[in-house]
């Protein structure tokens, strides 16, 4: 039986924490930043957690299940 392949796009976008949560970056921080407020851009800088309803799909893409 061949090995399961990790989804390369998911590998680049998500990281697993020590407690088992999945970290992700915020969207809307790459371009057209002039019309966005400083507060909004600053809050998009920090990492977020993947929502509970999406965690199973992300773990499948990362071969964590």
N, C-alpha and C. Protein backbone atom coordinates (compact mmCIF):
# COMPACT_ATOMS: atom_id res chain seq x y z
N UNK A 1 0.84 -1.19 0.00
CA UNK A 1 0.00 0.00 0.00
C UNK A 1 0.88 1.25 0.00
N UNK A 2 0.65 2.22 -0.89
CA UNK A 2 1.48 3.42 -0.90
C UNK A 2 1.18 4.33 0.30
N UNK A 3 2.15 5.17 0.60
CA UNK A 3 1.98 6.11 1.71
C UNK A 3 0.99 7.21 1.32
N UNK A 4 0.31 7.76 2.33
CA UNK A 4 -0.59 8.90 2.11
C UNK A 4 0.26 10.15 1.93
N UNK A 5 -0.10 10.97 0.95
CA UNK A 5 0.65 12.20 0.71
C UNK A 5 0.02 13.35 1.49
N UNK A 6 0.88 14.22 2.03
CA UNK A 6 0.43 15.44 2.69
C UNK A 6 0.07 16.46 1.62
N UNK A 7 -1.02 17.17 1.85
CA UNK A 7 -1.42 18.24 0.95
C UNK A 7 -0.42 19.40 1.10
N UNK A 8 0.30 19.73 0.02
CA UNK A 8 1.39 20.70 0.09
C UNK A 8 0.89 22.11 0.41
N UNK A 9 -0.29 22.46 -0.09
CA UNK A 9 -0.82 23.79 0.21
C UNK A 9 -1.17 23.92 1.68
N UNK A 10 -1.67 22.84 2.29
CA UNK A 10 -1.99 22.87 3.72
C UNK A 10 -0.71 22.89 4.55
N UNK A 11 0.32 22.20 4.08
CA UNK A 11 1.60 22.15 4.79
C UNK A 11 2.20 23.54 4.92
N UNK A 12 2.00 24.38 3.89
CA UNK A 12 2.55 25.73 3.91
C UNK A 12 1.74 26.67 4.80
N UNK A 13 0.44 26.39 4.98
CA UNK A 13 -0.45 27.35 5.61
C UNK A 13 -0.74 27.09 7.09
N UNK A 14 -0.57 25.86 7.54
CA UNK A 14 -0.95 25.51 8.91
C UNK A 14 0.22 24.92 9.67
N UNK A 15 0.27 25.21 10.98
CA UNK A 15 1.26 24.59 11.86
C UNK A 15 0.54 24.05 13.08
N UNK A 16 1.04 22.95 13.61
CA UNK A 16 0.45 22.31 14.77
C UNK A 16 1.16 22.81 16.03
N UNK A 17 0.40 23.18 17.06
CA UNK A 17 0.99 23.62 18.32
C UNK A 17 1.22 22.41 19.22
N UNK A 18 1.91 22.63 20.33
CA UNK A 18 2.21 21.54 21.26
C UNK A 18 0.95 21.01 21.92
N UNK A 19 -0.06 21.87 22.09
CA UNK A 19 -1.30 21.44 22.75
C UNK A 19 -2.27 20.78 21.77
N UNK A 20 -1.90 20.69 20.48
CA UNK A 20 -2.74 20.02 19.51
C UNK A 20 -3.62 20.93 18.69
N UNK A 21 -3.56 22.24 18.94
CA UNK A 21 -4.34 23.19 18.14
C UNK A 21 -3.63 23.44 16.82
N UNK A 22 -4.36 23.98 15.86
CA UNK A 22 -3.78 24.27 14.55
C UNK A 22 -3.74 25.78 14.37
N UNK A 23 -2.54 26.31 14.11
CA UNK A 23 -2.37 27.75 13.92
C UNK A 23 -2.52 28.09 12.45
N UNK A 24 -3.03 29.31 12.18
CA UNK A 24 -3.18 29.79 10.81
C UNK A 24 -2.92 31.29 10.79
N UNK A 25 -2.59 31.81 9.62
CA UNK A 25 -2.43 33.25 9.46
C UNK A 25 -3.74 33.85 9.00
N UNK A 26 -3.90 35.15 9.24
CA UNK A 26 -5.10 35.86 8.80
C UNK A 26 -4.99 36.22 7.32
N UNK A 27 -6.13 36.30 6.68
CA UNK A 27 -6.19 36.73 5.28
C UNK A 27 -6.24 38.26 5.22
N UNK A 28 -6.21 38.80 4.01
CA UNK A 28 -6.36 40.24 3.74
C UNK A 28 -5.20 41.08 4.26
N UNK A 29 -3.99 40.54 4.30
CA UNK A 29 -2.83 41.31 4.77
C UNK A 29 -1.77 41.44 3.68
N UNK A 30 -2.09 41.05 2.43
CA UNK A 30 -1.04 41.00 1.43
C UNK A 30 -0.94 42.25 0.56
N UNK A 31 -2.07 42.84 0.17
CA UNK A 31 -2.01 44.02 -0.71
C UNK A 31 -3.26 44.87 -0.48
N UNK A 32 -3.29 46.04 -1.14
CA UNK A 32 -4.34 47.06 -0.96
C UNK A 32 -4.47 47.41 0.53
N UNK A 33 -3.33 47.81 1.10
CA UNK A 33 -3.30 48.08 2.54
C UNK A 33 -3.54 49.54 2.87
N UNK A 34 -3.60 50.41 1.86
CA UNK A 34 -3.74 51.84 2.13
C UNK A 34 -5.12 52.19 2.67
N UNK A 35 -6.14 51.48 2.23
CA UNK A 35 -7.49 51.80 2.69
C UNK A 35 -7.86 51.12 4.01
N UNK A 36 -7.00 50.23 4.49
CA UNK A 36 -7.27 49.54 5.75
C UNK A 36 -6.64 50.32 6.90
N UNK A 37 -7.34 50.35 8.02
CA UNK A 37 -6.86 51.11 9.15
C UNK A 37 -5.65 50.43 9.79
N UNK A 38 -4.87 51.21 10.52
CA UNK A 38 -3.68 50.68 11.17
C UNK A 38 -4.04 49.61 12.18
N UNK A 39 -5.13 49.84 12.91
CA UNK A 39 -5.58 48.86 13.91
C UNK A 39 -5.95 47.53 13.25
N UNK A 40 -6.64 47.62 12.11
CA UNK A 40 -7.05 46.41 11.40
C UNK A 40 -5.84 45.64 10.89
N UNK A 41 -4.86 46.37 10.33
CA UNK A 41 -3.67 45.71 9.81
C UNK A 41 -2.85 45.08 10.94
N UNK A 42 -2.79 45.75 12.08
CA UNK A 42 -2.04 45.23 13.22
C UNK A 42 -2.69 43.94 13.74
N UNK A 43 -4.03 43.92 13.80
CA UNK A 43 -4.72 42.73 14.31
C UNK A 43 -4.63 41.56 13.33
N UNK A 44 -4.43 41.84 12.04
CA UNK A 44 -4.27 40.77 11.05
C UNK A 44 -2.88 40.14 11.11
N UNK A 45 -1.95 40.80 11.81
CA UNK A 45 -0.58 40.31 11.90
C UNK A 45 -0.50 39.03 12.73
N UNK A 46 -1.29 38.95 13.79
CA UNK A 46 -1.18 37.85 14.74
C UNK A 46 -1.78 36.57 14.19
N UNK A 47 -1.31 35.44 14.69
CA UNK A 47 -1.83 34.14 14.29
C UNK A 47 -3.18 33.89 14.95
N UNK A 48 -4.00 33.09 14.28
CA UNK A 48 -5.27 32.68 14.84
C UNK A 48 -5.33 31.17 14.90
N UNK A 49 -6.40 30.66 15.50
CA UNK A 49 -6.61 29.22 15.56
C UNK A 49 -7.62 28.82 14.51
N UNK A 50 -7.47 27.62 13.97
CA UNK A 50 -8.45 27.08 13.04
C UNK A 50 -9.72 26.76 13.81
N UNK A 51 -10.87 27.10 13.24
CA UNK A 51 -12.15 26.87 13.90
C UNK A 51 -12.37 25.38 14.12
N UNK A 52 -13.10 25.08 15.19
CA UNK A 52 -13.34 23.69 15.58
C UNK A 52 -13.98 22.86 14.46
N UNK A 53 -14.87 23.49 13.70
CA UNK A 53 -15.57 22.76 12.63
C UNK A 53 -14.66 22.46 11.44
N UNK A 54 -13.54 23.17 11.31
CA UNK A 54 -12.62 22.94 10.20
C UNK A 54 -11.42 22.08 10.57
N UNK A 55 -11.23 21.82 11.86
CA UNK A 55 -10.02 21.12 12.30
C UNK A 55 -9.89 19.72 11.73
N UNK A 56 -10.99 18.99 11.59
CA UNK A 56 -10.92 17.63 11.07
C UNK A 56 -10.43 17.62 9.63
N UNK A 57 -10.94 18.55 8.80
CA UNK A 57 -10.53 18.61 7.41
C UNK A 57 -9.05 18.99 7.27
N UNK A 58 -8.59 19.93 8.11
CA UNK A 58 -7.19 20.35 8.05
C UNK A 58 -6.28 19.20 8.48
N UNK A 59 -6.68 18.48 9.51
CA UNK A 59 -5.86 17.36 9.97
C UNK A 59 -5.81 16.24 8.94
N UNK A 60 -6.90 16.05 8.19
CA UNK A 60 -6.88 15.07 7.10
C UNK A 60 -5.89 15.48 6.02
N UNK A 61 -5.85 16.79 5.70
CA UNK A 61 -4.92 17.27 4.68
C UNK A 61 -3.48 17.14 5.14
N UNK A 62 -3.25 17.24 6.47
CA UNK A 62 -1.90 17.14 7.01
C UNK A 62 -1.56 15.71 7.42
N UNK A 63 -2.46 14.76 7.20
CA UNK A 63 -2.28 13.35 7.60
C UNK A 63 -2.04 13.22 9.10
N UNK A 64 -2.81 13.94 9.90
CA UNK A 64 -2.67 13.88 11.35
C UNK A 64 -3.70 12.94 11.98
N UNK A 65 -4.65 12.43 11.19
CA UNK A 65 -5.65 11.52 11.75
C UNK A 65 -5.34 10.09 11.41
